[in-house]
C-alpha cells in the first residue's frame, strides 16, 4: 500500500531536478526562479556548479533545495579562443560526471536543463541514464547564437538525447527541430516573466519622453546602437534614455565604452545607466517607449513580454521571437535589424505622434496570449506529465 502511495505521489508530483550553470542575475535564471515562486506542482530541486554562494538563487522558494557539485563553469566560452573552448570542454565533461554521480540526479523523475551550458553537461550525464531529459531552448540552435562548438554539441549530443524540449517561441523551436529524434515531446511556452496580466495597464506617464531598454549590458543587446539612434532622434530637448541591466559576464569595458560614447554624442546628461533593477513593473511605469534591438535574432527576450504587459510603446527588431509577438503598427513597432538610421526614424515618428503613442500603448496591453507566471508553471507541469508518459511508454 505504501509503495502504491509513493508511486501515485511521484506520478502527480514528480521529482524534477533543474540544472543551471550560473548563479548570475540573467534572464534564464530569473525565468526559473519566477516559475518556481509561482507555485510549481512538482517537487523541484536545483543542482548547480560550485559558485561561491547562492547569488541570484537566494530568491528560490524555501522548499526548493539548492545543491552544488562539480566544477565552476566560467563565462566567455562562446566567443573564446580555441584554448578557452578546449578548457571549457574539459570542464563540461567533469561537470557531467559530477552531475551523473549526484544523488539528486539518481532520484530524479525528470532532469531539466535550464540553460544552454547546463544542457551540454546534462545531456552527457543523461546518456548513461534512463531518466527523462528536458532541454529549455533559450538560444537559437545556430553558431551565431551559441558559437560553433556550442552548436556542434547541441545538434550532435544535446538535442538527439532530449526526451522533451521547451522553447520560448516558434522560431526557437524551429531552429532545434531538425536535430530532434522522432517522438521528442515539444512545447512552446513563454518564459515566466513576472507579467501582471488581466488588469488595466498603467497609463503612459506625463512629462518628457523616456526611452528605455531592459537588458543586461552586452554588445549583442545593442545598447550602443540605441544610444546612437537616440542621439539622432532627440538631438536636443528633455527626452531621456535609460538602460536597466548589469554588465555581466565580463562586459564592464563595454559599459565604460557606452559612457564614453554618450559623452561624445553630448547626451550624457540625458542618459541613465541604472544597473540591475528589482522592481521592473515600477520602472516600466516611468517609461514611454521600450526597446528591444538585439544584433542577432533573439529567441524571445523576456523584456518584450514585460514591455507589452506593462502597456508601453514597444519597439523591436523585425526578426526572431519578438516579431512573433509584435505586429507592426498594431501593438508596437518593428524596425529592420542592425539599422541605426531606421531605429532613429522610428523614434522620431513616435516623438512626433502623441496619438500614435497612446494607441500603441493601449494595444500592447491587450496583446493576446500573454501568460502570468502561475499559468507558465501549470503549462510546465502538463509538459512534464507528457514527457514522463512518453518515456514510460518506451
Protein backbone atom coordinates (compact mmCIF):
# COMPACT_ATOMS: atom_id res chain seq x y z
CA UNK A 1 0.00 0.00 0.00
CA UNK A 2 2.80 2.37 0.84
CA UNK A 3 4.53 1.59 -2.45
CA UNK A 4 1.36 2.34 -4.41
CA UNK A 5 1.03 5.61 -2.50
CA UNK A 6 4.61 6.54 -3.32
CA UNK A 7 4.07 5.74 -6.99
CA UNK A 8 0.94 7.89 -7.09
CA UNK A 9 2.77 10.77 -5.41
CA UNK A 10 5.58 10.54 -7.94
CA UNK A 11 3.08 10.49 -10.80
CA UNK A 12 1.23 13.56 -9.53
CA UNK A 13 4.27 15.36 -8.10
CA UNK A 14 7.34 14.13 -9.98
CA UNK A 15 10.81 14.99 -8.74
CA UNK A 16 12.28 17.43 -11.25
CA UNK A 17 15.98 18.25 -10.96
CA UNK A 18 16.68 21.60 -12.60
CA UNK A 19 20.21 22.22 -13.87
CA UNK A 20 21.70 25.70 -14.21
CA UNK A 21 25.33 26.58 -14.89
CA UNK A 22 25.36 30.07 -13.34
CA UNK A 23 24.07 31.99 -10.34
CA UNK A 24 24.29 35.33 -12.18
CA UNK A 25 21.24 37.56 -12.48
CA UNK A 26 20.47 36.53 -16.07
CA UNK A 27 17.21 36.04 -17.90
CA UNK A 28 17.26 32.24 -17.74
CA UNK A 29 17.93 32.28 -14.01
CA UNK A 30 15.13 34.76 -13.32
CA UNK A 31 12.72 32.79 -15.51
CA UNK A 32 13.36 29.65 -13.46
CA UNK A 33 13.05 31.47 -10.14
CA UNK A 34 9.78 33.15 -11.14
CA UNK A 35 8.29 29.86 -12.29
CA UNK A 36 9.20 28.10 -9.05
CA UNK A 37 7.94 31.04 -6.99
CA UNK A 38 4.62 30.83 -8.82
CA UNK A 39 3.82 27.53 -7.15
CA UNK A 40 5.30 24.61 -9.05
CA UNK A 41 3.18 21.49 -8.57
CA UNK A 42 6.21 19.22 -8.96
CA UNK A 43 8.92 18.57 -6.35
CA UNK A 44 11.71 20.80 -7.57
CA UNK A 45 15.40 20.81 -6.73
CA UNK A 46 18.25 22.78 -8.30
CA UNK A 47 21.76 21.50 -8.98
CA UNK A 48 24.49 23.99 -9.94
CA UNK A 49 28.29 24.00 -10.15
CA UNK A 50 30.18 25.49 -7.16
CA UNK A 51 29.94 29.27 -7.47
CA UNK A 52 30.99 30.66 -4.12
CA UNK A 53 27.49 31.44 -2.95
CA UNK A 54 23.82 31.28 -3.87
CA UNK A 55 23.86 34.50 -5.93
CA UNK A 56 20.52 35.16 -7.58
CA UNK A 57 19.25 31.82 -6.27
CA UNK A 58 18.85 33.39 -2.84
CA UNK A 59 15.38 34.14 -4.22
CA UNK A 60 14.41 30.47 -4.57
CA UNK A 61 11.39 29.32 -2.57
CA UNK A 62 12.46 27.83 0.75
CA UNK A 63 11.10 24.39 -0.22
CA UNK A 64 13.38 24.17 -3.29
CA UNK A 65 16.76 22.77 -2.22
CA UNK A 66 19.89 24.17 -3.89
CA UNK A 67 22.77 21.72 -4.27
CA UNK A 68 26.27 22.42 -5.60
CA UNK A 69 28.56 19.86 -7.22
CA UNK A 70 31.25 19.71 -9.87
CA UNK A 71 33.49 22.50 -11.19
CA UNK A 72 32.92 26.16 -11.97
CA UNK A 73 31.67 26.97 -15.49
CA UNK A 74 33.17 30.38 -16.41
CA UNK A 75 31.61 32.80 -18.88
CA UNK A 76 33.08 33.79 -22.22
CA UNK A 77 33.24 30.41 -23.95
CA UNK A 78 31.08 31.23 -26.98
CA UNK A 79 33.45 33.93 -28.23
CA UNK A 80 36.56 32.43 -26.68
CA UNK A 81 39.83 31.26 -28.18
CA UNK A 82 40.35 27.59 -29.16
CA UNK A 83 42.32 27.11 -25.94
CA UNK A 84 39.43 28.50 -23.90
CA UNK A 85 36.97 26.27 -25.75
CA UNK A 86 39.18 23.23 -25.06
CA UNK A 87 39.36 24.11 -21.36
CA UNK A 88 35.60 24.59 -21.26
CA UNK A 89 35.09 21.18 -22.89
CA UNK A 90 37.10 19.54 -20.12
CA UNK A 91 35.06 21.42 -17.53
CA UNK A 92 31.83 20.25 -19.18
CA UNK A 93 32.98 16.63 -19.04
CA UNK A 94 33.90 16.99 -15.37
CA UNK A 95 30.55 18.65 -14.62
CA UNK A 96 28.71 15.88 -16.47
CA UNK A 97 30.43 13.24 -14.32
CA UNK A 98 29.65 15.14 -11.12
CA UNK A 99 26.03 15.63 -12.18
CA UNK A 100 25.57 11.96 -13.06
CA UNK A 101 27.01 10.86 -9.70
CA UNK A 102 24.90 13.26 -7.61
CA UNK A 103 22.15 11.61 -5.53
CA UNK A 104 19.66 14.21 -6.77
CA UNK A 105 20.22 13.04 -10.34
CA UNK A 106 19.75 9.39 -9.42
CA UNK A 107 16.49 10.13 -7.57
CA UNK A 108 15.02 12.45 -10.22
CA UNK A 109 11.98 11.56 -12.29
CA UNK A 110 12.95 14.26 -14.81
CA UNK A 111 16.15 16.26 -15.33
CA UNK A 112 15.52 19.71 -16.81
CA UNK A 113 18.43 21.80 -18.19
CA UNK A 114 17.58 25.48 -17.76
CA UNK A 115 20.42 26.93 -19.87
CA UNK A 116 22.40 26.00 -22.97
CA UNK A 117 25.57 25.24 -20.99
CA UNK A 118 23.61 23.14 -18.49
CA UNK A 119 22.06 21.27 -21.41
CA UNK A 120 25.54 20.35 -22.65
CA UNK A 121 26.70 18.67 -19.46
CA UNK A 122 23.20 17.46 -18.62
CA UNK A 123 22.97 15.59 -21.92
CA UNK A 124 26.35 13.97 -21.31
CA UNK A 125 25.19 12.87 -17.87
CA UNK A 126 21.87 11.60 -19.20
CA UNK A 127 23.48 9.46 -21.91
CA UNK A 128 24.22 6.75 -19.34
CA UNK A 129 20.82 7.05 -17.66
CA UNK A 130 17.22 6.32 -18.50
CA UNK A 131 15.98 9.41 -16.67
CA UNK A 132 13.86 11.61 -18.98
CA UNK A 133 15.92 14.62 -20.05
CA UNK A 134 14.37 18.01 -20.86
CA UNK A 135 16.09 20.94 -22.58
CA UNK A 136 14.99 24.56 -22.28
CA UNK A 137 15.83 26.32 -25.54
CA UNK A 138 16.61 29.91 -24.59
CA UNK A 139 19.00 30.45 -27.53
CA UNK A 140 18.66 29.74 -31.21
CA UNK A 141 20.30 26.50 -32.27
CA UNK A 142 22.80 28.15 -34.61
CA UNK A 143 26.50 29.02 -34.46
CA UNK A 144 25.91 32.77 -34.31
CA UNK A 145 23.92 32.44 -31.11
CA UNK A 146 25.88 29.78 -29.21
CA UNK A 147 29.21 29.55 -31.05
CA UNK A 148 30.43 26.83 -33.36
CA UNK A 149 31.49 24.50 -30.53
CA UNK A 150 28.20 25.01 -28.70
CA UNK A 151 26.22 24.44 -31.87
CA UNK A 152 28.01 21.18 -32.64
CA UNK A 153 27.38 19.99 -29.08
CA UNK A 154 23.73 20.99 -29.34
CA UNK A 155 23.00 19.29 -32.67
CA UNK A 156 25.08 16.15 -32.15
CA UNK A 157 24.63 15.37 -28.45
CA UNK A 158 22.08 17.54 -26.62
CA UNK A 159 19.02 17.63 -28.88
CA UNK A 160 19.26 13.99 -30.06
CA UNK A 161 19.24 12.91 -26.38
CA UNK A 162 16.34 15.16 -25.35
CA UNK A 163 13.09 13.49 -24.35
CA UNK A 164 11.41 16.88 -24.19
CA UNK A 165 12.17 20.40 -25.43
CA UNK A 166 10.60 23.66 -24.25
CA UNK A 167 11.16 26.79 -26.35
CA UNK A 168 10.11 30.38 -25.74
CA UNK A 169 8.93 30.92 -29.32
CA UNK A 170 8.19 29.06 -32.52
CA UNK A 171 11.37 30.44 -34.09
CA UNK A 172 13.49 28.92 -31.35
CA UNK A 173 11.74 25.57 -31.62
CA UNK A 174 12.10 25.55 -35.40
CA UNK A 175 15.85 26.05 -35.05
CA UNK A 176 16.03 22.93 -32.85
CA UNK A 177 13.56 20.73 -34.73
CA UNK A 178 15.95 19.27 -37.36
CA UNK A 179 18.10 17.70 -34.64
CA UNK A 180 15.38 16.07 -32.52
CA UNK A 181 14.68 12.36 -32.68
CA UNK A 182 11.22 11.13 -33.53
CA UNK A 183 8.86 11.18 -30.57
CA UNK A 184 10.52 14.00 -28.65
CA UNK A 185 7.86 15.93 -26.74
CA UNK A 186 7.94 19.62 -27.69
CA UNK A 187 6.09 22.65 -26.39
CA UNK A 188 6.33 26.41 -26.93
CA UNK A 189 5.87 28.08 -23.54
CA UNK A 190 6.93 31.70 -22.92
CA UNK A 191 9.30 32.17 -20.01
CA UNK A 192 7.95 33.24 -16.65
CA UNK A 193 8.43 36.99 -16.87
CA UNK A 194 6.57 38.33 -13.85
CA UNK A 195 3.74 39.62 -16.01
CA UNK A 196 0.74 41.27 -14.43
CA UNK A 197 -1.95 40.25 -16.89
CA UNK A 198 -5.71 40.60 -16.88
CA UNK A 199 -5.84 44.07 -15.33
CA UNK A 200 -5.61 47.57 -16.75
CA UNK A 201 -2.08 48.68 -17.62
CA UNK A 202 -0.78 51.90 -16.12
CA UNK A 203 -1.27 54.87 -18.45
CA UNK A 204 1.72 56.45 -20.09
CA UNK A 205 3.37 58.93 -17.72
CA UNK A 206 3.10 62.66 -18.20
CA UNK A 207 6.21 64.75 -18.73
CA UNK A 208 9.20 64.38 -21.06
CA UNK A 209 9.52 61.23 -23.12
CA UNK A 210 11.55 58.42 -21.59
CA UNK A 211 13.03 55.74 -23.85
CA UNK A 212 14.31 52.60 -22.15
CA UNK A 213 15.97 49.24 -22.70
CA UNK A 214 15.72 46.45 -20.13
CA UNK A 215 18.58 44.04 -20.83
CA UNK A 216 21.94 43.07 -19.45
CA UNK A 217 24.75 45.29 -20.69
CA UNK A 218 26.18 43.25 -23.55
CA UNK A 219 27.29 44.26 -27.06
CA UNK A 220 24.80 41.96 -28.77
CA UNK A 221 21.90 43.51 -26.86
CA UNK A 222 22.67 46.72 -28.84
CA UNK A 223 22.81 49.39 -26.18
CA UNK A 224 25.37 51.21 -28.36
CA UNK A 225 23.04 51.19 -31.36
CA UNK A 226 20.12 52.51 -29.31
CA UNK A 227 22.36 55.22 -27.85
CA UNK A 228 23.32 56.41 -31.35
CA UNK A 229 19.69 56.27 -32.56
CA UNK A 230 18.52 58.23 -29.51
CA UNK A 231 21.09 60.96 -30.16
CA UNK A 232 19.89 61.21 -33.77
CA UNK A 233 16.18 61.22 -32.91
CA UNK A 234 16.47 63.51 -29.87
CA UNK A 235 19.47 65.78 -30.56
CA UNK A 236 18.10 68.31 -28.10
CA UNK A 237 15.21 68.70 -25.70
CA UNK A 238 14.46 66.94 -22.43
CA UNK A 239 13.79 63.34 -23.57
CA UNK A 240 15.76 60.75 -21.58
CA UNK A 241 17.28 57.37 -22.35
CA UNK A 242 17.56 54.75 -19.62
CA UNK A 243 19.43 51.44 -19.64
CA UNK A 244 18.37 48.95 -16.96
CA UNK A 245 20.67 45.97 -16.53
CA UNK A 246 24.02 44.89 -15.12
CA UNK A 247 27.25 44.44 -17.06
CA UNK A 248 27.53 40.67 -16.60
CA UNK A 249 29.94 38.09 -17.99
CA UNK A 250 32.95 40.39 -18.28
CA UNK A 251 31.29 43.28 -20.12
CA UNK A 252 32.41 46.08 -17.79
CA UNK A 253 34.57 47.58 -20.56
CA UNK A 254 31.54 47.73 -22.86
CA UNK A 255 29.69 49.69 -20.18
CA UNK A 256 32.64 52.10 -19.96
CA UNK A 257 32.53 52.50 -23.75
CA UNK A 258 28.85 53.37 -23.57
CA UNK A 259 29.59 56.12 -21.06
CA UNK A 260 32.32 57.49 -23.34
CA UNK A 261 30.03 57.33 -26.39
CA UNK A 262 27.28 59.22 -24.56
CA UNK A 263 29.80 61.97 -23.83
CA UNK A 264 30.95 62.05 -27.48
CA UNK A 265 27.32 62.43 -28.59
CA UNK A 266 26.77 65.18 -26.00
CA UNK A 267 23.82 63.36 -24.38
CA UNK A 268 25.45 62.23 -21.12
CA UNK A 269 23.16 64.49 -19.09
CA UNK A 270 20.10 62.75 -20.61
CA UNK A 271 21.25 59.10 -20.38
CA UNK A 272 20.90 56.99 -17.22
CA UNK A 273 22.65 53.69 -16.53
CA UNK A 274 20.50 52.18 -13.80
CA UNK A 275 22.20 48.81 -13.27
CA UNK A 276 20.08 45.90 -12.12
CA UNK A 277 16.52 46.88 -11.22
CA UNK A 278 14.49 44.67 -8.89
CA UNK A 279 11.09 46.31 -9.34
CA UNK A 280 10.67 46.06 -13.11
CA UNK A 281 6.96 46.94 -13.02
CA UNK A 282 7.62 50.22 -11.23
CA UNK A 283 10.41 51.07 -13.65
CA UNK A 284 8.30 50.40 -16.75
CA UNK A 285 5.56 52.66 -15.46
CA UNK A 286 8.03 55.57 -15.80
CA UNK A 287 8.86 54.78 -19.46
CA UNK A 288 7.01 55.70 -22.63
CA UNK A 289 9.00 53.78 -25.28
CA UNK A 290 10.61 50.40 -24.52
CA UNK A 291 13.13 48.96 -26.96
CA UNK A 292 14.50 45.52 -27.87
CA UNK A 293 17.06 45.71 -30.67
CA UNK A 294 19.45 42.77 -30.33
CA UNK A 295 22.10 42.41 -33.03
CA UNK A 296 21.30 38.76 -33.72
CA UNK A 297 17.99 37.01 -33.91
CA UNK A 298 16.60 36.99 -30.38
CA UNK A 299 14.87 33.76 -29.29
CA UNK A 300 12.40 35.90 -27.35
CA UNK A 301 13.64 38.31 -24.77
CA UNK A 302 11.54 38.36 -21.62
CA UNK A 303 11.76 42.13 -21.78
CA UNK A 304 9.44 42.16 -24.80
CA UNK A 305 6.71 40.35 -22.87
CA UNK A 306 7.24 42.68 -19.92
CA UNK A 307 7.00 45.75 -22.17
CA UNK A 308 3.75 44.52 -23.73
CA UNK A 309 2.09 43.56 -20.45
CA UNK A 310 3.03 46.94 -18.95
CA UNK A 311 1.36 48.75 -21.84
CA UNK A 312 4.43 50.55 -23.11
CA UNK A 313 5.17 51.60 -26.70
CA UNK A 314 7.18 48.59 -27.86
CA UNK A 315 9.93 48.83 -30.49
CA UNK A 316 11.62 45.58 -31.59
CA UNK A 317 14.00 44.29 -34.24
CA UNK A 318 11.98 42.67 -37.02
CA UNK A 319 13.30 39.11 -36.67
CA UNK A 320 13.20 36.12 -34.34
CA UNK A 321 10.85 35.65 -31.42
CA UNK A 322 9.94 39.32 -30.80
CA UNK A 323 8.44 39.54 -34.28
CA UNK A 324 6.01 36.78 -33.27
CA UNK A 325 4.62 38.99 -30.52
CA UNK A 326 4.73 42.47 -32.05
CA UNK A 327 2.63 43.27 -35.11
CA UNK A 328 3.88 46.42 -36.77
CA UNK A 329 1.50 49.34 -36.32
CA UNK A 330 -0.93 47.19 -34.34
CA UNK A 331 0.61 46.65 -30.89
CA UNK A 332 4.09 48.03 -31.47
CA UNK A 333 6.75 48.96 -33.99
CA UNK A 334 9.07 46.60 -35.88
CA UNK A 335 12.32 48.00 -37.24
CA UNK A 336 14.77 46.43 -39.71
CA UNK A 337 17.51 44.84 -37.61
CA UNK A 338 21.03 46.24 -37.33
CA UNK A 339 19.98 49.56 -38.91
CA UNK A 340 20.57 52.54 -36.63
CA UNK A 341 19.10 55.03 -39.12
CA UNK A 342 15.82 53.08 -39.27
CA UNK A 343 15.69 52.84 -35.48
CA UNK A 344 16.24 56.60 -35.23
CA UNK A 345 13.45 57.19 -37.79
CA UNK A 346 11.06 55.05 -35.73
CA UNK A 347 11.88 57.04 -32.60
CA UNK A 348 11.31 60.31 -34.49
CA UNK A 349 7.87 59.15 -35.64
CA UNK A 350 6.93 58.22 -32.09
CA UNK A 351 8.28 61.52 -30.80
CA UNK A 352 6.07 63.43 -33.23
CA UNK A 353 2.91 61.35 -32.75
CA UNK A 354 1.25 61.51 -29.32
CA UNK A 355 -1.93 59.91 -30.67
CA UNK A 356 0.11 57.05 -32.13
CA UNK A 357 1.87 56.59 -28.80
CA UNK A 358 -1.40 56.32 -26.91
CA UNK A 359 -2.85 53.88 -29.46
CA UNK A 360 0.16 51.55 -29.44
CA UNK A 361 0.47 51.58 -25.65
CA UNK A 362 -3.17 50.61 -25.17
CA UNK A 363 -2.92 47.89 -27.82
CA UNK A 364 0.27 46.47 -26.29
CA UNK A 365 -1.51 45.73 -23.01
CA UNK A 366 -4.23 43.87 -24.94
CA UNK A 367 -1.77 41.55 -26.73
CA UNK A 368 -3.33 38.06 -26.67
CA UNK A 369 -1.66 35.03 -25.07
CA UNK A 370 0.45 36.89 -22.52
CA UNK A 371 0.77 34.44 -19.61
CA UNK A 372 1.06 35.01 -15.90
CA UNK A 373 3.75 33.09 -14.01
CA UNK A 374 1.24 30.64 -12.45
CA UNK A 375 -0.06 29.82 -15.92
CA UNK A 376 3.50 29.25 -17.16
CA UNK A 377 4.12 26.91 -14.20
CA UNK A 378 0.90 25.00 -14.91
CA UNK A 379 1.90 24.63 -18.56
CA UNK A 380 5.26 23.18 -17.48
CA UNK A 381 3.53 20.72 -15.15
CA UNK A 382 1.42 19.45 -18.06
CA UNK A 383 4.52 19.24 -20.22
CA UNK A 384 6.43 17.21 -17.62
CA UNK A 385 3.49 14.81 -17.41
CA UNK A 386 3.61 14.28 -21.18
CA UNK A 387 7.37 13.69 -21.07
CA UNK A 388 7.03 11.07 -18.32
CA UNK A 389 4.14 9.33 -20.06
CA UNK A 390 6.09 9.18 -23.32
CA UNK A 391 9.19 7.92 -21.52
CA UNK A 392 7.20 5.26 -19.64
CA UNK A 393 5.62 4.09 -22.89
CA UNK A 394 9.05 3.48 -24.34
